PDB file of N, CA and C in Angstrom:
ATOM      1  N   MET A   1      -3.473  -1.961 -15.868  1.00  0.00           N
ATOM      2  CA  MET A   1      -4.644  -2.775 -15.703  1.00  0.00           C
ATOM      3  C   MET A   1      -5.720  -2.251 -16.661  1.00  0.00           C
ATOM      4  N   ARG A   2      -6.318  -3.162 -17.371  1.00  0.00           N
ATOM      5  CA  ARG A   2      -7.308  -2.771 -18.364  1.00  0.00           C
ATOM      6  C   ARG A   2      -8.697  -2.733 -17.755  1.00  0.00           C
ATOM      7  N   THR A   3      -9.507  -1.850 -18.273  1.00  0.00           N
ATOM      8  CA  THR A   3     -10.870  -1.684 -17.786  1.00  0.00           C
ATOM      9  C   THR A   3     -11.695  -2.943 -18.045  1.00  0.00           C
ATOM     10  N   SER A   4     -11.483  -3.577 -19.182  1.00  0.00           N
ATOM     11  CA  SER A   4     -12.246  -4.784 -19.498  1.00  0.00           C
ATOM     12  C   SER A   4     -11.955  -5.899 -18.494  1.00  0.00           C
ATOM     13  N   GLU A   5     -10.713  -5.986 -18.017  1.00  0.00           N
ATOM     14  CA  GLU A   5     -10.365  -6.985 -17.005  1.00  0.00           C
ATOM     15  C   GLU A   5     -11.066  -6.676 -15.685  1.00  0.00           C
ATOM     16  N   LEU A   6     -11.139  -5.402 -15.340  1.00  0.00           N
ATOM     17  CA  LEU A   6     -11.758  -5.002 -14.081  1.00  0.00           C
ATOM     18  C   LEU A   6     -13.261  -5.236 -14.099  1.00  0.00           C
ATOM     19  N   ARG A   7     -13.893  -5.041 -15.243  1.00  0.00           N
ATOM     20  CA  ARG A   7     -15.344  -5.220 -15.337  1.00  0.00           C
ATOM     21  C   ARG A   7     -15.753  -6.680 -15.145  1.00  0.00           C
ATOM     22  N   GLN A   8     -14.832  -7.608 -15.376  1.00  0.00           N
ATOM     23  CA  GLN A   8     -15.137  -9.024 -15.225  1.00  0.00           C
ATOM     24  C   GLN A   8     -15.050  -9.480 -13.768  1.00  0.00           C
ATOM     25  N   LYS A   9     -14.502  -8.660 -12.909  1.00  0.00           N
ATOM     26  CA  LYS A   9     -14.329  -9.032 -11.506  1.00  0.00           C
ATOM     27  C   LYS A   9     -15.598  -8.736 -10.709  1.00  0.00           C
ATOM     28  N   SER A  10     -15.741  -9.450  -9.607  1.00  0.00           N
ATOM     29  CA  SER A  10     -16.890  -9.224  -8.731  1.00  0.00           C
ATOM     30  C   SER A  10     -16.639  -7.988  -7.872  1.00  0.00           C
ATOM     31  N   ALA A  11     -17.673  -7.542  -7.182  1.00  0.00           N
ATOM     32  CA  ALA A  11     -17.557  -6.370  -6.324  1.00  0.00           C
ATOM     33  C   ALA A  11     -16.557  -6.614  -5.202  1.00  0.00           C
ATOM     34  N   GLN A  12     -16.540  -7.820  -4.650  1.00  0.00           N
ATOM     35  CA  GLN A  12     -15.606  -8.142  -3.564  1.00  0.00           C
ATOM     36  C   GLN A  12     -14.162  -8.143  -4.064  1.00  0.00           C
ATOM     37  N   GLU A  13     -13.945  -8.683  -5.248  1.00  0.00           N
ATOM     38  CA  GLU A  13     -12.601  -8.691  -5.820  1.00  0.00           C
ATOM     39  C   GLU A  13     -12.109  -7.269  -6.079  1.00  0.00           C
ATOM     40  N   LEU A  14     -13.007  -6.412  -6.554  1.00  0.00           N
ATOM     41  CA  LEU A  14     -12.631  -5.018  -6.784  1.00  0.00           C
ATOM     42  C   LEU A  14     -12.273  -4.316  -5.475  1.00  0.00           C
ATOM     43  N   SER A  15     -13.039  -4.589  -4.435  1.00  0.00           N
ATOM     44  CA  SER A  15     -12.760  -3.989  -3.128  1.00  0.00           C
ATOM     45  C   SER A  15     -11.400  -4.436  -2.602  1.00  0.00           C
ATOM     46  N   ASP A  16     -11.118  -5.724  -2.734  1.00  0.00           N
ATOM     47  CA  ASP A  16      -9.830  -6.253  -2.280  1.00  0.00           C
ATOM     48  C   ASP A  16      -8.675  -5.646  -3.069  1.00  0.00           C
ATOM     49  N   LEU A  17      -8.865  -5.530  -4.369  1.00  0.00           N
ATOM     50  CA  LEU A  17      -7.836  -4.948  -5.220  1.00  0.00           C
ATOM     51  C   LEU A  17      -7.614  -3.479  -4.878  1.00  0.00           C
ATOM     52  N   LEU A  18      -8.694  -2.768  -4.600  1.00  0.00           N
ATOM     53  CA  LEU A  18      -8.586  -1.360  -4.234  1.00  0.00           C
ATOM     54  C   LEU A  18      -7.796  -1.198  -2.937  1.00  0.00           C
ATOM     55  N   ILE A  19      -8.041  -2.059  -1.967  1.00  0.00           N
ATOM     56  CA  ILE A  19      -7.304  -2.000  -0.703  1.00  0.00           C
ATOM     57  C   ILE A  19      -5.810  -2.245  -0.941  1.00  0.00           C
ATOM     58  N   ASP A  20      -5.503  -3.225  -1.787  1.00  0.00           N
ATOM     59  CA  ASP A  20      -4.098  -3.516  -2.086  1.00  0.00           C
ATOM     60  C   ASP A  20      -3.414  -2.329  -2.767  1.00  0.00           C
ATOM     61  N   LEU A  21      -4.119  -1.699  -3.704  1.00  0.00           N
ATOM     62  CA  LEU A  21      -3.535  -0.553  -4.402  1.00  0.00           C
ATOM     63  C   LEU A  21      -3.359   0.643  -3.469  1.00  0.00           C
ATOM     64  N   ARG A  22      -4.293   0.832  -2.553  1.00  0.00           N
ATOM     65  CA  ARG A  22      -4.170   1.920  -1.572  1.00  0.00           C
ATOM     66  C   ARG A  22      -2.957   1.704  -0.671  1.00  0.00           C
ATOM     67  N   ARG A  23      -2.729   0.439  -0.274  1.00  0.00           N
ATOM     68  CA  ARG A  23      -1.550   0.130   0.551  1.00  0.00           C
ATOM     69  C   ARG A  23      -0.270   0.412  -0.211  1.00  0.00           C
ATOM     70  N   GLU A  24      -0.255   0.040  -1.486  1.00  0.00           N
ATOM     71  CA  GLU A  24       0.918   0.296  -2.312  1.00  0.00           C
ATOM     72  C   GLU A  24       1.137   1.797  -2.472  1.00  0.00           C
ATOM     73  N   GLN A  25       0.055   2.548  -2.651  1.00  0.00           N
ATOM     74  CA  GLN A  25       0.152   3.990  -2.769  1.00  0.00           C
ATOM     75  C   GLN A  25       0.722   4.600  -1.486  1.00  0.00           C
ATOM     76  N   PHE A  26       0.261   4.117  -0.351  1.00  0.00           N
ATOM     77  CA  PHE A  26       0.766   4.600   0.930  1.00  0.00           C
ATOM     78  C   PHE A  26       2.262   4.304   1.050  1.00  0.00           C
ATOM     79  N   SER A  27       2.653   3.106   0.646  1.00  0.00           N
ATOM     80  CA  SER A  27       4.056   2.727   0.705  1.00  0.00           C
ATOM     81  C   SER A  27       4.921   3.650  -0.156  1.00  0.00           C
ATOM     82  N   LEU A  28       4.444   3.966  -1.344  1.00  0.00           N
ATOM     83  CA  LEU A  28       5.199   4.870  -2.227  1.00  0.00           C
ATOM     84  C   LEU A  28       5.295   6.278  -1.633  1.00  0.00           C
ATOM     85  N   ARG A  29       4.213   6.738  -0.992  1.00  0.00           N
ATOM     86  CA  ARG A  29       4.258   8.053  -0.351  1.00  0.00           C
ATOM     87  C   ARG A  29       5.259   8.080   0.786  1.00  0.00           C
ATOM     88  N   MET A  30       5.327   6.999   1.544  1.00  0.00           N
ATOM     89  CA  MET A  30       6.287   6.924   2.656  1.00  0.00           C
ATOM     90  C   MET A  30       7.712   6.887   2.120  1.00  0.00           C
ATOM     91  N   GLN A  31       7.920   6.201   1.010  1.00  0.00           N
ATOM     92  CA  GLN A  31       9.245   6.177   0.400  1.00  0.00           C
ATOM     93  C   GLN A  31       9.665   7.580  -0.031  1.00  0.00           C
ATOM     94  N   GLN A  32       8.731   8.317  -0.612  1.00  0.00           N
ATOM     95  CA  GLN A  32       9.040   9.690  -1.027  1.00  0.00           C
ATOM     96  C   GLN A  32       9.326  10.561   0.190  1.00  0.00           C
ATOM     97  N   GLY A  33       8.596  10.324   1.267  1.00  0.00           N
ATOM     98  CA  GLY A  33       8.773  11.112   2.475  1.00  0.00           C
ATOM     99  C   GLY A  33      10.113  10.880   3.137  1.00  0.00           C
ATOM    100  N   THR A  34      10.651   9.678   3.005  1.00  0.00           N
ATOM    101  CA  THR A  34      11.943   9.374   3.620  1.00  0.00           C
ATOM    102  C   THR A  34      13.103   9.698   2.693  1.00  0.00           C
ATOM    103  N   GLY A  35      12.803  10.208   1.532  1.00  0.00           N
ATOM    104  CA  GLY A  35      13.858  10.637   0.621  1.00  0.00           C
ATOM    105  C   GLY A  35      14.263   9.591  -0.398  1.00  0.00           C
ATOM    106  N   GLN A  36      13.634   8.436  -0.373  1.00  0.00           N
ATOM    107  CA  GLN A  36      13.944   7.432  -1.382  1.00  0.00           C
ATOM    108  C   GLN A  36      13.237   7.813  -2.672  1.00  0.00           C
ATOM    109  N   PRO A  37      13.959   7.771  -3.765  1.00  0.00           N
ATOM    110  CA  PRO A  37      13.321   8.169  -5.022  1.00  0.00           C
ATOM    111  C   PRO A  37      12.286   7.151  -5.480  1.00  0.00           C
ATOM    112  N   ALA A  38      11.136   7.641  -5.874  1.00  0.00           N
ATOM    113  CA  ALA A  38      10.090   6.798  -6.446  1.00  0.00           C
ATOM    114  C   ALA A  38       9.885   7.224  -7.893  1.00  0.00           C
ATOM    115  N   ARG A  39       9.548   6.270  -8.719  1.00  0.00           N
ATOM    116  CA  ARG A  39       9.325   6.612 -10.125  1.00  0.00           C
ATOM    117  C   ARG A  39       7.991   7.323 -10.257  1.00  0.00           C
ATOM    118  N   PRO A  40       7.992   8.526 -10.800  1.00  0.00           N
ATOM    119  CA  PRO A  40       6.738   9.265 -10.963  1.00  0.00           C
ATOM    120  C   PRO A  40       5.733   8.530 -11.839  1.00  0.00           C
ATOM    121  N   SER A  41       6.222   7.780 -12.810  1.00  0.00           N
ATOM    122  CA  SER A  41       5.304   7.053 -13.687  1.00  0.00           C
ATOM    123  C   SER A  41       4.570   5.962 -12.917  1.00  0.00           C
ATOM    124  N   GLN A  42       5.230   5.366 -11.942  1.00  0.00           N
ATOM    125  CA  GLN A  42       4.601   4.324 -11.134  1.00  0.00           C
ATOM    126  C   GLN A  42       3.504   4.923 -10.260  1.00  0.00           C
ATOM    127  N   VAL A  43       3.764   6.077  -9.674  1.00  0.00           N
ATOM    128  CA  VAL A  43       2.779   6.752  -8.831  1.00  0.00           C
ATOM    129  C   VAL A  43       1.568   7.151  -9.669  1.00  0.00           C
ATOM    130  N   ARG A  44       1.815   7.682 -10.849  1.00  0.00           N
ATOM    131  CA  ARG A  44       0.739   8.122 -11.738  1.00  0.00           C
ATOM    132  C   ARG A  44      -0.108   6.940 -12.191  1.00  0.00           C
ATOM    133  N   ALA A  45       0.531   5.834 -12.556  1.00  0.00           N
ATOM    134  CA  ALA A  45      -0.203   4.653 -13.002  1.00  0.00           C
ATOM    135  C   ALA A  45      -1.054   4.081 -11.869  1.00  0.00           C
ATOM    136  N   LEU A  46      -0.519   4.117 -10.663  1.00  0.00           N
ATOM    137  CA  LEU A  46      -1.252   3.618  -9.506  1.00  0.00           C
ATOM    138  C   LEU A  46      -2.493   4.461  -9.244  1.00  0.00           C
ATOM    139  N   ARG A  47      -2.355   5.780  -9.336  1.00  0.00           N
ATOM    140  CA  ARG A  47      -3.508   6.672  -9.152  1.00  0.00           C
ATOM    141  C   ARG A  47      -4.583   6.410 -10.198  1.00  0.00           C
ATOM    142  N   LYS A  48      -4.166   6.180 -11.423  1.00  0.00           N
ATOM    143  CA  LYS A  48      -5.128   5.924 -12.495  1.00  0.00           C
ATOM    144  C   LYS A  48      -5.842   4.592 -12.296  1.00  0.00           C
ATOM    145  N   ASP A  49      -5.109   3.575 -11.829  1.00  0.00           N
ATOM    146  CA  ASP A  49      -5.735   2.283 -11.556  1.00  0.00           C
ATOM    147  C   ASP A  49      -6.778   2.404 -10.447  1.00  0.00           C
ATOM    148  N   ILE A  50      -6.459   3.171  -9.413  1.00  0.00           N
ATOM    149  CA  ILE A  50      -7.405   3.386  -8.320  1.00  0.00           C
ATOM    150  C   ILE A  50      -8.656   4.089  -8.842  1.00  0.00           C
ATOM    151  N   ALA A  51      -8.460   5.076  -9.696  1.00  0.00           N
ATOM    152  CA  ALA A  51      -9.597   5.804 -10.256  1.00  0.00           C
ATOM    153  C   ALA A  51     -10.460   4.895 -11.123  1.00  0.00           C
ATOM    154  N   ARG A  52      -9.826   4.000 -11.893  1.00  0.00           N
ATOM    155  CA  ARG A  52     -10.593   3.068 -12.725  1.00  0.00           C
ATOM    156  C   ARG A  52     -11.463   2.158 -11.867  1.00  0.00           C
ATOM    157  N   ILE A  53     -10.886   1.639 -10.793  1.00  0.00           N
ATOM    158  CA  ILE A  53     -11.644   0.738  -9.925  1.00  0.00           C
ATOM    159  C   ILE A  53     -12.807   1.480  -9.283  1.00  0.00           C
ATOM    160  N   LYS A  54     -12.563   2.682  -8.805  1.00  0.00           N
ATOM    161  CA  LYS A  54     -13.640   3.456  -8.174  1.00  0.00           C
ATOM    162  C   LYS A  54     -14.748   3.765  -9.179  1.00  0.00           C
ATOM    163  N   THR A  55     -14.393   4.069 -10.403  1.00  0.00           N
ATOM    164  CA  THR A  55     -15.381   4.360 -11.433  1.00  0.00           C
ATOM    165  C   THR A  55     -16.251   3.135 -11.705  1.00  0.00           C
ATOM    166  N   ILE A  56     -15.630   1.987 -11.821  1.00  0.00           N
ATOM    167  CA  ILE A  56     -16.383   0.756 -12.079  1.00  0.00           C
ATOM    168  C   ILE A  56     -17.269   0.416 -10.891  1.00  0.00           C
ATOM    169  N   GLN A  57     -16.770   0.618  -9.675  1.00  0.00           N
ATOM    170  CA  GLN A  57     -17.593   0.372  -8.490  1.00  0.00           C
ATOM    171  C   GLN A  57     -18.810   1.298  -8.481  1.00  0.00           C
ATOM    172  N   ASN A  58     -18.623   2.564  -8.834  1.00  0.00           N
ATOM    173  CA  ASN A  58     -19.744   3.506  -8.891  1.00  0.00           C
ATOM    174  C   ASN A  58     -20.752   3.097  -9.962  1.00  0.00           C
ATOM    175  N   GLU A  59     -20.264   2.619 -11.098  1.00  0.00           N
ATOM    176  CA  GLU A  59     -21.167   2.147 -12.147  1.00  0.00           C
ATOM    177  C   GLU A  59     -21.969   0.950 -11.667  1.00  0.00           C
ATOM    178  N   MET A  60     -21.304   0.027 -10.959  1.00  0.00           N
ATOM    179  CA  MET A  60     -22.006  -1.147 -10.435  1.00  0.00           C
ATOM    180  C   MET A  60     -23.067  -0.737  -9.416  1.00  0.00           C
ATOM    181  N   ASN A  61     -22.738   0.237  -8.578  1.00  0.00           N
ATOM    182  CA  ASN A  61     -23.691   0.697  -7.570  1.00  0.00           C
ATOM    183  C   ASN A  61     -24.881   1.402  -8.205  1.00  0.00           C
ATOM    184  N   SER A  62     -24.633   2.189  -9.230  1.00  0.00           N
ATOM    185  CA  SER A  62     -25.731   2.901  -9.875  1.00  0.00           C
ATOM    186  C   SER A  62     -26.645   1.942 -10.633  1.00  0.00           C
ATOM    187  N   LYS A  63     -26.086   0.908 -11.220  1.00  0.00           N
ATOM    188  CA  LYS A  63     -26.908  -0.100 -11.894  1.00  0.00           C
ATOM    189  C   LYS A  63     -27.744  -0.876 -10.895  1.00  0.00           C
ATOM    190  N   GLY A  64     -27.169  -1.181  -9.757  1.00  0.00           N
ATOM    191  CA  GLY A  64     -27.890  -1.918  -8.722  1.00  0.00           C
ATOM    192  C   GLY A  64     -28.987  -1.074  -8.099  1.00  0.00           C
ATOM    193  N   GLY A  65     -28.746   0.229  -7.948  1.00  0.00           N
ATOM    194  CA  GLY A  65     -29.745   1.122  -7.359  1.00  0.00           C
ATOM    195  C   GLY A  65     -30.871   1.446  -8.304  1.00  0.00           C
ATOM    196  N   ALA A  66     -30.630   1.354  -9.606  1.00  0.00           N
ATOM    197  CA  ALA A  66     -31.638   1.692 -10.590  1.00  0.00           C
ATOM    198  C   ALA A  66     -32.685   0.585 -10.753  1.00  0.00           C
ATOM    199  N   LYS A  67     -32.326  -0.619 -10.367  1.00  0.00           N
ATOM    200  CA  LYS A  67     -33.245  -1.744 -10.552  1.00  0.00           C
ATOM    201  C   LYS A  67     -34.325  -1.784  -9.538  1.00  0.00           C
TER     202      LYS A  67
END
């Protein structure tokens, strides 16, 4: 997921997307816990996407608070 695509989304869309990614992350952790192999690259990419969304949300909040 590209940062430019995320910046075009509204705050509500970002929140919804973050919830979906967190659920997917939980699912992958449960798969690892039960012994099913998960692709490490998928887990890493998911973590990075979550971090990107949180960063953009923080930027939006700081811009809103500064006004």
